[in-house]
């Protein structure tokens, strides 16, 4: 039986409801050579973020996917502490972000070495934490894949195939997703387990349709941010009209604790989707069966192993 692999262990579909497929409990968007990079006390983060997690639970959210991978401040100790304090399952990532956030050791590593590292975290644990990685998070440059990014993706494709895991890629341009899917397929992986993160930032909607028809997941994850709800609803309806409701994911891309800000800044609530956006989606004529598919069934299917 497929399970979501979380900080609280495997979770079956019967244990879960709404799942947020792209959020951040802790993220540091600076490069690792900056003073204080990814530094914070786990207990302080837990105290600050737990109320927002509890609010999310009250709003019907039962799990979330943490997308802060290596390069953007992955702190598995913090993720585990927050999860256990709030009794809330979180899917933790393996993988590496794009340039210039790729650490020196990843530049130096071979594709085989990166493959082994990812499989070890997917099938074993992350940094002796007792937490198993649930998926692979990578990224691509806005102007195409660098040589190192292509190496990381090739290793990720092999690791994901070996561990039956999803790959989520921060990619802002649809034509770059074409490049990624070519590498994915060459590595023996399938587009059906590839998630195009931040697809909402690609202005050419035809590329959304193209990648969804190839089998990739289209993730609209800036809901409640800069883009208007109306623009998201228009894109969602476009995919639904094309019969592609089985390839769509919805999330918010909130950051809970940002170590760049004094005392981590003000946590961004994780509840805009259920409290504000879904009522508007219903008003636009999207029925409950479809909303359940987009918020419960699809994210489980995308990430379950």
Protein backbone atom coordinates (compact mmCIF):
# COMPACT_ATOMS: atom_id res chain seq x y z
CA UNK A 1 0.00 0.00 0.00
CA UNK A 2 1.33 3.48 -0.81
CA UNK A 3 2.21 5.78 2.07
CA UNK A 4 3.27 9.37 2.54
CA UNK A 5 6.72 9.20 4.15
CA UNK A 6 6.75 11.85 6.88
CA UNK A 7 8.58 13.08 9.96
CA UNK A 8 6.09 11.02 12.00
CA UNK A 9 6.51 7.90 9.91
CA UNK A 10 4.48 6.47 7.02
CA UNK A 11 0.91 7.75 6.67
CA UNK A 12 -1.74 6.05 4.57
CA UNK A 13 -4.45 7.81 2.60
CA UNK A 14 -7.03 6.83 5.23
CA UNK A 15 -5.07 8.81 7.86
CA UNK A 16 -4.90 12.04 5.87
CA UNK A 17 -7.11 14.76 4.44
CA UNK A 18 -5.93 18.03 2.90
CA UNK A 19 -2.19 18.07 2.11
CA UNK A 20 -0.19 21.20 1.26
CA UNK A 21 2.40 20.14 -1.37
CA UNK A 22 4.71 23.17 -1.17
CA UNK A 23 5.44 25.05 2.06
CA UNK A 24 8.41 25.97 4.27
CA UNK A 25 8.73 25.64 8.03
CA UNK A 26 12.28 27.02 7.88
CA UNK A 27 14.14 28.50 4.91
CA UNK A 28 17.28 30.55 4.35
CA UNK A 29 17.50 31.94 0.81
CA UNK A 30 21.02 33.28 1.26
CA UNK A 31 24.03 31.35 0.00
CA UNK A 32 25.89 29.22 2.51
CA UNK A 33 28.90 31.56 2.64
CA UNK A 34 26.84 34.26 4.36
CA UNK A 35 27.34 34.82 8.12
CA UNK A 36 24.66 33.12 10.18
CA UNK A 37 23.44 30.98 7.29
CA UNK A 38 20.70 28.54 8.42
CA UNK A 39 21.40 29.31 12.07
CA UNK A 40 18.53 29.19 14.56
CA UNK A 41 17.65 27.47 17.80
CA UNK A 42 15.23 24.60 17.21
CA UNK A 43 13.26 25.34 20.38
CA UNK A 44 12.77 28.98 19.39
CA UNK A 45 11.57 28.00 15.90
CA UNK A 46 9.22 25.44 17.40
CA UNK A 47 7.73 27.98 19.81
CA UNK A 48 7.14 30.45 16.98
CA UNK A 49 5.84 28.06 14.30
CA UNK A 50 3.75 25.61 16.34
CA UNK A 51 0.78 28.02 16.69
CA UNK A 52 0.63 28.38 12.89
CA UNK A 53 0.76 24.61 12.45
CA UNK A 54 -2.05 24.20 14.98
CA UNK A 55 -4.09 26.83 13.14
CA UNK A 56 -3.52 24.90 9.91
CA UNK A 57 -4.74 21.72 11.56
CA UNK A 58 -7.92 23.46 12.71
CA UNK A 59 -8.47 24.59 9.11
CA UNK A 60 -8.43 20.97 7.97
CA UNK A 61 -4.82 20.60 6.83
CA UNK A 62 -3.45 17.20 7.82
CA UNK A 63 0.10 17.25 6.38
CA UNK A 64 2.47 19.44 4.42
CA UNK A 65 5.49 19.01 2.17
CA UNK A 66 8.61 20.93 3.27
CA UNK A 67 10.50 22.23 0.23
CA UNK A 68 13.61 23.68 1.90
CA UNK A 69 16.24 21.36 0.51
CA UNK A 70 20.06 21.43 0.63
CA UNK A 71 21.14 24.91 -0.45
CA UNK A 72 18.23 26.81 1.06
CA UNK A 73 18.75 26.02 4.70
CA UNK A 74 17.51 22.47 5.20
CA UNK A 75 17.42 21.86 8.97
CA UNK A 76 16.00 18.42 9.59
CA UNK A 77 16.40 18.84 13.35
CA UNK A 78 14.10 21.87 13.28
CA UNK A 79 11.60 20.14 11.02
CA UNK A 80 11.48 17.14 13.32
CA UNK A 81 11.11 19.28 16.46
CA UNK A 82 8.23 21.32 15.01
CA UNK A 83 6.50 18.21 13.69
CA UNK A 84 6.71 16.34 16.98
CA UNK A 85 5.63 19.34 19.05
CA UNK A 86 2.54 19.91 16.91
CA UNK A 87 1.87 16.20 16.23
CA UNK A 88 1.79 17.11 12.56
CA UNK A 89 3.33 15.04 9.72
CA UNK A 90 5.72 16.81 7.37
CA UNK A 91 7.33 15.37 4.24
CA UNK A 92 11.08 16.13 4.28
CA UNK A 93 13.24 16.46 1.15
CA UNK A 94 16.52 15.17 -0.10
CA UNK A 95 18.09 16.84 -3.13
CA UNK A 96 19.91 20.09 -3.90
CA UNK A 97 18.83 23.57 -4.99
CA UNK A 98 20.15 25.39 -8.08
CA UNK A 99 23.19 27.56 -8.69
CA UNK A 100 24.58 29.58 -6.95
CA UNK A 101 23.17 27.69 -3.95
CA UNK A 102 24.75 24.34 -4.92
CA UNK A 103 27.30 23.51 -2.18
CA UNK A 104 30.93 22.86 -3.10
CA UNK A 105 30.71 19.16 -2.21
CA UNK A 106 27.91 18.67 -4.75
CA UNK A 107 29.93 20.38 -7.47
CA UNK A 108 32.75 17.97 -6.76
CA UNK A 109 30.62 14.83 -6.42
CA UNK A 110 30.03 12.49 -9.33
CA UNK A 111 26.55 11.61 -10.54
CA UNK A 112 26.96 8.16 -8.96
CA UNK A 113 27.94 9.69 -5.60
CA UNK A 114 24.90 12.00 -5.66
CA UNK A 115 22.68 9.06 -6.58
CA UNK A 116 23.95 7.02 -3.61
CA UNK A 117 23.49 9.97 -1.22
CA UNK A 118 19.90 10.56 -2.31
CA UNK A 119 18.96 6.89 -2.13
CA UNK A 120 20.51 6.66 1.35
CA UNK A 121 18.27 9.52 2.54
CA UNK A 122 15.18 8.18 0.75
CA UNK A 123 15.55 4.63 2.02
CA UNK A 124 17.36 5.34 5.28
CA UNK A 125 17.49 8.65 7.15
CA UNK A 126 18.61 12.25 6.81
CA UNK A 127 21.73 13.19 8.79
CA UNK A 128 21.25 10.56 11.53
CA UNK A 129 17.95 12.20 12.46
CA UNK A 130 15.75 9.12 12.27
CA UNK A 131 13.70 10.98 9.63
CA UNK A 132 13.41 9.40 6.20
CA UNK A 133 13.29 11.68 3.15
CA UNK A 134 9.94 11.54 1.41
CA UNK A 135 10.84 13.00 -1.98
CA UNK A 136 13.58 14.75 -3.99
CA UNK A 137 13.62 18.55 -4.34
CA UNK A 138 15.85 20.09 -6.99
CA UNK A 139 15.88 23.22 -9.14
CA UNK A 140 16.84 24.60 -12.54
CA UNK A 141 18.26 27.94 -13.58
CA UNK A 142 15.92 30.40 -15.24
CA UNK A 143 17.94 30.26 -18.47
CA UNK A 144 18.29 26.49 -18.61
CA UNK A 145 20.16 23.80 -16.73
CA UNK A 146 23.82 24.30 -15.88
CA UNK A 147 26.15 21.32 -16.18
CA UNK A 148 26.01 20.77 -12.42
CA UNK A 149 22.21 21.14 -12.28
CA UNK A 150 21.88 18.58 -15.09
CA UNK A 151 24.14 16.20 -13.14
CA UNK A 152 22.01 16.59 -10.02
CA UNK A 153 18.82 15.97 -12.03
CA UNK A 154 20.29 12.86 -13.66
CA UNK A 155 21.24 11.49 -10.24
CA UNK A 156 17.80 12.42 -8.88
CA UNK A 157 16.06 10.62 -11.74
CA UNK A 158 17.93 7.41 -10.99
CA UNK A 159 17.41 7.75 -7.23
CA UNK A 160 13.71 8.48 -7.59
CA UNK A 161 13.26 5.46 -9.83
CA UNK A 162 15.15 3.25 -7.36
CA UNK A 163 13.21 4.48 -4.31
CA UNK A 164 9.80 5.04 -5.96
CA UNK A 165 9.84 8.72 -5.00
CA UNK A 166 8.69 11.94 -6.62
CA UNK A 167 10.95 14.69 -7.93
CA UNK A 168 9.85 18.28 -7.43
CA UNK A 169 11.75 20.92 -9.39
CA UNK A 170 11.73 24.68 -8.80
CA UNK A 171 11.53 25.76 -12.45
CA UNK A 172 10.18 29.09 -13.65
CA UNK A 173 10.17 28.51 -17.42
CA UNK A 174 8.21 25.85 -19.24
CA UNK A 175 10.82 25.35 -21.94
CA UNK A 176 13.31 24.43 -19.22
CA UNK A 177 10.85 21.78 -18.00
CA UNK A 178 11.13 20.26 -21.49
CA UNK A 179 14.89 19.91 -20.91
CA UNK A 180 14.29 18.39 -17.51
CA UNK A 181 11.77 15.83 -18.73
CA UNK A 182 14.21 14.71 -21.43
CA UNK A 183 16.85 14.02 -18.76
CA UNK A 184 14.24 12.38 -16.50
CA UNK A 185 13.17 9.97 -19.23
CA UNK A 186 16.75 9.25 -20.25
CA UNK A 187 17.42 8.25 -16.65
CA UNK A 188 14.61 5.70 -16.73
CA UNK A 189 12.21 7.81 -14.69
CA UNK A 190 8.68 8.85 -15.61
CA UNK A 191 7.16 12.32 -16.06
CA UNK A 192 4.19 11.11 -13.97
CA UNK A 193 6.37 11.44 -10.84
CA UNK A 194 7.83 14.82 -11.83
CA UNK A 195 6.35 17.96 -10.21
CA UNK A 196 6.77 21.30 -11.96
CA UNK A 197 7.08 23.62 -8.96
CA UNK A 198 6.07 27.26 -9.54
CA UNK A 199 4.32 26.51 -12.83
CA UNK A 200 2.09 29.50 -12.06
CA UNK A 201 5.04 31.81 -12.82
CA UNK A 202 5.19 30.68 -16.46
CA UNK A 203 3.00 33.15 -18.41
CA UNK A 204 2.49 30.86 -21.41
CA UNK A 205 -0.47 28.70 -20.39
CA UNK A 206 0.04 26.46 -23.43
CA UNK A 207 3.20 25.20 -21.74
CA UNK A 208 1.17 24.25 -18.65
CA UNK A 209 -1.09 22.20 -20.89
CA UNK A 210 1.84 20.65 -22.76
CA UNK A 211 3.64 19.46 -19.64
CA UNK A 212 0.45 18.18 -18.01
CA UNK A 213 -0.35 16.21 -21.15
CA UNK A 214 3.12 14.71 -21.02
CA UNK A 215 2.21 13.50 -17.53
CA UNK A 216 3.98 15.99 -15.27
CA UNK A 217 2.29 17.47 -12.21
CA UNK A 218 1.47 21.17 -12.58
CA UNK A 219 1.89 22.88 -9.21
CA UNK A 220 0.30 26.28 -8.59
CA UNK A 221 1.93 27.14 -5.28
CA UNK A 222 1.85 30.91 -4.88
CA UNK A 223 -1.80 31.09 -3.86
CA UNK A 224 -2.42 34.03 -1.54
CA UNK A 225 0.76 35.77 -2.69
CA UNK A 226 1.49 38.36 -5.38
CA UNK A 227 -0.66 36.81 -8.10
CA UNK A 228 -4.39 37.37 -7.85
CA UNK A 229 -6.84 34.66 -6.89
CA UNK A 230 -8.63 35.36 -10.18
CA UNK A 231 -5.53 34.47 -12.21
CA UNK A 232 -5.17 31.17 -10.33
CA UNK A 233 -8.85 30.36 -10.79
CA UNK A 234 -8.56 31.07 -14.52
CA UNK A 235 -5.60 28.70 -14.86
CA UNK A 236 -7.25 26.01 -12.73
CA UNK A 237 -10.40 26.19 -14.83
CA UNK A 238 -8.31 25.97 -17.97
CA UNK A 239 -6.72 22.72 -16.80
CA UNK A 240 -10.08 21.35 -15.66
CA UNK A 241 -11.66 22.21 -19.02
CA UNK A 242 -8.82 20.31 -20.72
CA UNK A 243 -9.55 17.23 -18.59
CA UNK A 244 -6.27 17.55 -16.68
CA UNK A 245 -7.60 17.68 -13.12
CA UNK A 246 -5.53 14.58 -12.32
CA UNK A 247 -2.26 16.51 -12.88
CA UNK A 248 -2.86 19.60 -10.71
CA UNK A 249 -1.54 20.55 -7.25
CA UNK A 250 -2.34 23.64 -5.16
CA UNK A 251 -0.28 25.26 -2.40
CA UNK A 252 0.92 28.60 -0.99
CA UNK A 253 4.75 28.59 -0.65
CA UNK A 254 4.67 30.15 2.82
CA UNK A 255 7.82 30.58 4.93
CA UNK A 256 7.39 30.04 8.65
CA UNK A 257 10.77 31.02 10.10
CA UNK A 258 13.32 33.07 8.17
CA UNK A 259 16.69 33.37 9.97
CA UNK A 260 17.54 36.43 7.90
CA UNK A 261 14.85 38.36 9.79
CA UNK A 262 15.16 39.40 13.45
CA UNK A 263 13.78 36.56 15.59
CA UNK A 264 12.76 34.75 12.41
CA UNK A 265 10.33 37.40 11.26
CA UNK A 266 6.56 37.04 11.36
CA UNK A 267 5.35 33.55 10.39
CA UNK A 268 3.17 33.49 7.29
CA UNK A 269 -0.09 31.62 7.98
CA UNK A 270 -0.59 28.35 6.14
CA UNK A 271 -4.36 28.74 5.98
CA UNK A 272 -5.06 31.02 3.02
CA UNK A 273 -5.90 28.09 0.75
CA UNK A 274 -8.67 26.52 2.89
CA UNK A 275 -9.95 29.73 4.48
CA UNK A 276 -9.92 32.18 1.58
CA UNK A 277 -9.14 30.57 -1.78
CA UNK A 278 -11.24 27.41 -1.79
CA UNK A 279 -14.46 29.33 -1.04
CA UNK A 280 -13.72 31.47 -4.11
CA UNK A 281 -13.02 28.37 -6.17
CA UNK A 282 -16.41 27.00 -5.13
CA UNK A 283 -18.06 30.28 -6.07
CA UNK A 284 -16.44 29.94 -9.50
CA UNK A 285 -18.30 26.66 -9.97
CA UNK A 286 -15.73 24.03 -9.01
CA UNK A 287 -17.55 21.20 -7.25
CA UNK A 288 -16.61 19.46 -3.98
CA UNK A 289 -15.49 16.26 -5.69
CA UNK A 290 -12.97 18.19 -7.77
CA UNK A 291 -11.79 20.26 -4.81
CA UNK A 292 -11.19 17.06 -2.86
CA UNK A 293 -9.19 15.69 -5.79
CA UNK A 294 -7.03 18.83 -5.97
CA UNK A 295 -6.35 19.13 -2.24
CA UNK A 296 -6.53 15.56 -0.88
CA UNK A 297 -6.21 12.90 -3.55
CA UNK A 298 -3.72 14.52 -5.94
CA UNK A 299 -1.06 15.54 -3.39
CA UNK A 300 -1.17 12.10 -1.81
CA UNK A 301 -0.84 10.43 -5.20
CA UNK A 302 1.99 12.76 -6.23
CA UNK A 303 4.14 12.15 -3.14
CA UNK A 304 3.14 8.70 -1.83
CA UNK A 305 5.61 5.85 -2.10
